């Protein structure tokens, strides 16, 4: 993996996306409450973390600490609002006993793995080429469209499309939050909360579902417009790409 990373960071990110998608396709067919799914996700997450840690990339991928500009980031409040969404309709666990624990732990590691892959590896690989717009769009859209794969694990068509649509805007918020804070930890925490709460969610009903979608879209647009005006931390600055974004924000 190190050789692939040193040769081409984008290829490295794509390799991890493929590995993750293939593994998740296999694991999710076992059921979210399967201990094997939980163990598989833990292994994937640990391998990625060890690679980042052993190669001195903790700061680059935003794992070295919480955001230093926490106040300027508005304490990441939009992320916590979105994270609470799966409980708006009430609480009704999908599983019982050990199965509930396995599913909750699995979803927590899904949040970690997907943030490190899409906001970490993919976004930073594209940011390195100097195109902030392309990095933000590709990271967000790729993350959103990846949820369409749920169709192959028995999920219903329309709810899956809605999930993919929401995930694009959630990805947009998370990408900007990482870009302007330099820390991936708030994104990992919010993503993990969203996924863990999905195990406990009760159907919100059509009206509340659409309200949640509207909240996500509005928050994504408003928060990203606000974040564009903040100074980018040194770890995420890129030559011409940063200059272009700053000019547009003025």
Protein backbone atom coordinates (compact mmCIF):
# COMPACT_ATOMS: atom_id res chain seq x y z
CA UNK A 1 0.00 0.00 0.00
CA UNK A 2 2.83 2.39 0.81
CA UNK A 3 4.25 2.05 -2.71
CA UNK A 4 0.85 2.81 -4.25
CA UNK A 5 0.46 5.81 -1.95
CA UNK A 6 3.91 7.22 -2.77
CA UNK A 7 3.38 6.73 -6.49
CA UNK A 8 -0.15 8.09 -6.83
CA UNK A 9 -2.36 9.20 -3.93
CA UNK A 10 -5.50 9.22 -6.06
CA UNK A 11 -4.91 5.62 -7.10
CA UNK A 12 -4.33 4.78 -3.44
CA UNK A 13 -7.71 6.33 -2.57
CA UNK A 14 -9.47 4.44 -5.38
CA UNK A 15 -7.92 1.15 -4.25
CA UNK A 16 -9.31 1.71 -0.76
CA UNK A 17 -12.73 2.63 -2.15
CA UNK A 18 -12.81 -0.61 -4.16
CA UNK A 19 -11.65 -2.67 -1.17
CA UNK A 20 -14.27 -1.08 1.05
CA UNK A 21 -17.13 -1.44 -1.44
CA UNK A 22 -16.34 -5.09 -2.14
CA UNK A 23 -15.96 -5.93 1.55
CA UNK A 24 -19.16 -4.09 2.49
CA UNK A 25 -21.05 -5.86 -0.29
CA UNK A 26 -20.05 -9.18 1.25
CA UNK A 27 -20.41 -8.17 4.90
CA UNK A 28 -23.83 -6.51 4.63
CA UNK A 29 -25.28 -9.67 3.12
CA UNK A 30 -24.47 -11.31 6.45
CA UNK A 31 -26.71 -8.77 8.20
CA UNK A 32 -25.86 -5.59 10.11
CA UNK A 33 -26.28 -7.55 13.35
CA UNK A 34 -23.67 -10.11 12.35
CA UNK A 35 -20.52 -10.34 14.51
CA UNK A 36 -18.61 -11.10 11.31
CA UNK A 37 -19.63 -7.77 9.82
CA UNK A 38 -18.50 -6.03 12.99
CA UNK A 39 -15.14 -7.82 12.98
CA UNK A 40 -14.65 -7.13 9.26
CA UNK A 41 -15.23 -3.40 9.72
CA UNK A 42 -12.92 -3.30 12.72
CA UNK A 43 -10.16 -4.97 10.69
CA UNK A 44 -10.59 -2.54 7.77
CA UNK A 45 -10.59 0.47 10.10
CA UNK A 46 -7.56 -0.71 12.07
CA UNK A 47 -5.56 -1.39 8.90
CA UNK A 48 -6.27 2.11 7.59
CA UNK A 49 -5.49 3.72 10.93
CA UNK A 50 -2.21 1.81 11.27
CA UNK A 51 -1.16 2.88 7.78
CA UNK A 52 -1.87 6.54 8.58
CA UNK A 53 -0.21 6.35 12.00
CA UNK A 54 2.91 4.42 10.95
CA UNK A 55 3.58 6.74 8.02
CA UNK A 56 3.26 9.99 9.95
CA UNK A 57 0.03 11.06 8.22
CA UNK A 58 -2.14 11.75 11.28
CA UNK A 59 -2.11 15.52 10.83
CA UNK A 60 -2.56 15.34 7.08
CA UNK A 61 -5.73 13.28 7.44
CA UNK A 62 -7.07 15.26 10.38
CA UNK A 63 -6.64 12.59 13.05
CA UNK A 64 -4.11 14.38 15.25
CA UNK A 65 -6.63 16.38 17.27
CA UNK A 66 -9.86 18.36 17.40
CA UNK A 67 -10.22 21.56 15.37
CA UNK A 68 -8.26 24.51 16.75
CA UNK A 69 -10.79 26.93 15.24
CA UNK A 70 -13.76 25.27 16.93
CA UNK A 71 -15.49 28.58 17.67
CA UNK A 72 -15.10 29.86 14.10
CA UNK A 73 -16.58 26.55 12.92
CA UNK A 74 -19.67 27.38 15.04
CA UNK A 75 -18.81 24.36 17.18
CA UNK A 76 -19.90 22.17 14.23
CA UNK A 77 -23.55 22.60 15.31
CA UNK A 78 -24.96 21.79 11.81
CA UNK A 79 -23.25 18.38 12.01
CA UNK A 80 -24.93 17.60 15.34
CA UNK A 81 -28.35 18.68 14.03
CA UNK A 82 -28.02 16.32 11.07
CA UNK A 83 -26.65 13.57 13.32
CA UNK A 84 -29.82 13.67 15.42
CA UNK A 85 -32.12 13.18 12.41
CA UNK A 86 -32.51 9.42 12.66
CA UNK A 87 -34.21 9.78 16.03
CA UNK A 88 -36.68 12.50 15.03
CA UNK A 89 -39.42 9.91 14.56
CA UNK A 90 -38.73 8.15 17.83
CA UNK A 91 -36.71 5.12 18.89
CA UNK A 92 -37.42 1.53 17.90
CA UNK A 93 -34.31 -0.75 17.76
CA UNK A 94 -33.99 -2.99 14.70
CA UNK A 95 -32.32 -5.76 16.69
CA UNK A 96 -32.26 -7.21 20.20
CA UNK A 97 -29.56 -8.40 22.59
CA UNK A 98 -26.10 -9.07 21.18
CA UNK A 99 -27.31 -8.35 17.64
CA UNK A 100 -28.10 -4.77 18.63
CA UNK A 101 -24.61 -4.33 20.07
CA UNK A 102 -22.95 -5.83 16.97
CA UNK A 103 -24.98 -3.57 14.67
CA UNK A 104 -24.25 -0.42 16.70
CA UNK A 105 -20.50 -1.11 16.83
CA UNK A 106 -20.47 -1.92 13.10
CA UNK A 107 -22.18 1.37 12.27
CA UNK A 108 -19.70 3.30 14.41
CA UNK A 109 -16.82 1.83 12.42
CA UNK A 110 -18.64 2.52 9.14
CA UNK A 111 -18.52 6.20 10.12
CA UNK A 112 -14.78 6.04 10.78
CA UNK A 113 -13.91 4.06 7.64
CA UNK A 114 -16.01 6.12 5.23
CA UNK A 115 -14.77 9.45 6.56
CA UNK A 116 -11.14 8.39 6.33
CA UNK A 117 -11.65 7.04 2.80
CA UNK A 118 -13.82 9.76 1.26
CA UNK A 119 -12.89 12.87 3.27
CA UNK A 120 -9.36 11.72 4.00
CA UNK A 121 -7.79 9.67 1.21
CA UNK A 122 -9.93 10.80 -1.74
CA UNK A 123 -10.39 14.47 -0.85
CA UNK A 124 -6.75 15.05 0.08
CA UNK A 125 -5.52 13.22 -3.03
CA UNK A 126 -7.55 15.54 -5.25
CA UNK A 127 -6.72 18.60 -3.16
CA UNK A 128 -3.06 17.88 -3.78
CA UNK A 129 -3.64 18.58 -7.49
CA UNK A 130 -4.79 22.11 -6.62
CA UNK A 131 -8.46 21.93 -7.58
CA UNK A 132 -10.53 22.67 -4.49
CA UNK A 133 -13.84 22.64 -6.39
CA UNK A 134 -13.14 19.25 -7.98
CA UNK A 135 -11.96 17.79 -4.67
CA UNK A 136 -15.09 18.94 -2.83
CA UNK A 137 -17.52 17.85 -5.55
CA UNK A 138 -15.95 14.46 -6.26
CA UNK A 139 -15.61 13.59 -2.58
CA UNK A 140 -19.24 14.54 -1.87
CA UNK A 141 -20.82 12.99 -4.96
CA UNK A 142 -18.79 9.78 -4.79
CA UNK A 143 -19.77 9.37 -1.15
CA UNK A 144 -23.45 9.94 -1.97
CA UNK A 145 -23.60 7.69 -5.00
CA UNK A 146 -21.88 4.94 -3.06
CA UNK A 147 -25.11 4.52 -1.07
CA UNK A 148 -26.88 3.30 -4.22
CA UNK A 149 -25.01 0.03 -3.68
CA UNK A 150 -27.52 -0.62 -0.89
CA UNK A 151 -29.93 -1.65 -3.66
CA UNK A 152 -27.84 -4.81 -4.05
CA UNK A 153 -28.29 -5.74 -0.39
CA UNK A 154 -32.09 -5.76 -0.40
CA UNK A 155 -32.91 -2.11 0.30
CA UNK A 156 -35.95 -0.51 -1.35
CA UNK A 157 -35.46 1.60 -4.48
CA UNK A 158 -36.94 5.01 -3.59
CA UNK A 159 -35.67 5.18 0.02
CA UNK A 160 -32.21 4.25 -1.28
CA UNK A 161 -32.28 7.06 -3.85
CA UNK A 162 -33.36 9.50 -1.14
CA UNK A 163 -30.54 8.24 1.06
CA UNK A 164 -28.02 8.76 -1.76
CA UNK A 165 -29.34 12.28 -2.41
CA UNK A 166 -29.08 13.19 1.28
CA UNK A 167 -25.62 11.63 1.49
CA UNK A 168 -24.33 13.95 -1.25
CA UNK A 169 -25.31 17.02 0.78
CA UNK A 170 -24.08 15.47 4.03
CA UNK A 171 -20.82 14.72 2.23
CA UNK A 172 -20.66 18.36 1.14
CA UNK A 173 -21.00 19.59 4.73
CA UNK A 174 -18.47 17.08 6.05
CA UNK A 175 -15.96 17.84 3.29
CA UNK A 176 -16.13 21.59 3.90
CA UNK A 177 -15.98 21.03 7.67
CA UNK A 178 -12.77 19.04 7.27
CA UNK A 179 -11.34 21.43 4.68
CA UNK A 180 -11.84 24.52 6.84
CA UNK A 181 -11.03 22.99 10.24
CA UNK A 182 -8.19 20.61 9.41
CA UNK A 183 -9.71 18.01 11.73
CA UNK A 184 -11.57 14.92 10.57
CA UNK A 185 -12.65 13.99 14.09
CA UNK A 186 -15.91 16.03 14.15
CA UNK A 187 -16.91 14.45 10.82
CA UNK A 188 -16.10 10.96 12.07
CA UNK A 189 -18.09 11.55 15.27
CA UNK A 190 -21.13 12.98 13.45
CA UNK A 191 -21.04 10.26 10.77
CA UNK A 192 -20.79 7.52 13.38
CA UNK A 193 -23.70 8.99 15.35
CA UNK A 194 -25.85 9.11 12.20
CA UNK A 195 -25.12 5.48 11.41
CA UNK A 196 -25.46 4.21 14.98
CA UNK A 197 -28.79 6.03 15.39
CA UNK A 198 -29.98 4.36 12.17
CA UNK A 199 -30.01 1.08 14.11
CA UNK A 200 -32.38 2.58 16.67
CA UNK A 201 -34.53 4.69 14.35
CA UNK A 202 -38.27 4.45 14.04
CA UNK A 203 -39.88 5.27 10.69
CA UNK A 204 -40.40 9.02 10.60
CA UNK A 205 -43.17 8.91 8.02
CA UNK A 206 -43.18 10.68 4.62
CA UNK A 207 -43.69 14.22 5.96
CA UNK A 208 -40.88 14.06 8.51
CA UNK A 209 -38.63 12.36 5.95
CA UNK A 210 -39.05 15.28 3.56
CA UNK A 211 -38.54 17.79 6.38
CA UNK A 212 -35.27 16.04 7.24
CA UNK A 213 -34.16 16.16 3.60
CA UNK A 214 -34.99 19.89 3.44
CA UNK A 215 -33.06 20.54 6.67
CA UNK A 216 -30.00 18.74 5.30
CA UNK A 217 -30.05 20.68 2.01
CA UNK A 218 -30.59 24.06 3.69
CA UNK A 219 -27.92 23.42 6.32
CA UNK A 220 -25.47 22.21 3.68
CA UNK A 221 -25.87 25.33 1.56
CA UNK A 222 -25.89 27.80 4.47
CA UNK A 223 -23.02 26.22 6.41
CA UNK A 224 -20.79 25.81 3.37
CA UNK A 225 -21.37 29.43 2.30
CA UNK A 226 -20.34 30.49 5.78
CA UNK A 227 -17.29 28.20 5.88
CA UNK A 228 -16.01 29.47 2.52
CA UNK A 229 -15.16 32.77 4.19
CA UNK A 230 -12.98 31.22 6.87
CA UNK A 231 -9.23 30.98 6.54
CA UNK A 232 -8.10 27.52 5.48
CA UNK A 233 -5.67 25.83 7.91
CA UNK A 234 -2.14 25.33 6.61
CA UNK A 235 -2.52 21.55 6.35
CA UNK A 236 -5.26 21.96 3.71
CA UNK A 237 -3.92 24.90 1.73
CA UNK A 238 -3.18 24.41 -1.95
CA UNK A 239 -1.66 26.98 -4.31
CA UNK A 240 -4.00 28.24 -7.00
CA UNK A 241 -7.01 26.25 -5.85
CA UNK A 242 -7.08 28.04 -2.49
CA UNK A 243 -6.66 31.44 -4.18
CA UNK A 244 -9.60 30.81 -6.48
CA UNK A 245 -11.87 29.80 -3.62
CA UNK A 246 -10.86 32.86 -1.58
CA UNK A 247 -11.56 35.19 -4.50
CA UNK A 248 -15.03 33.74 -4.97
CA UNK A 249 -15.80 34.16 -1.29
CA UNK A 250 -14.97 37.85 -1.25
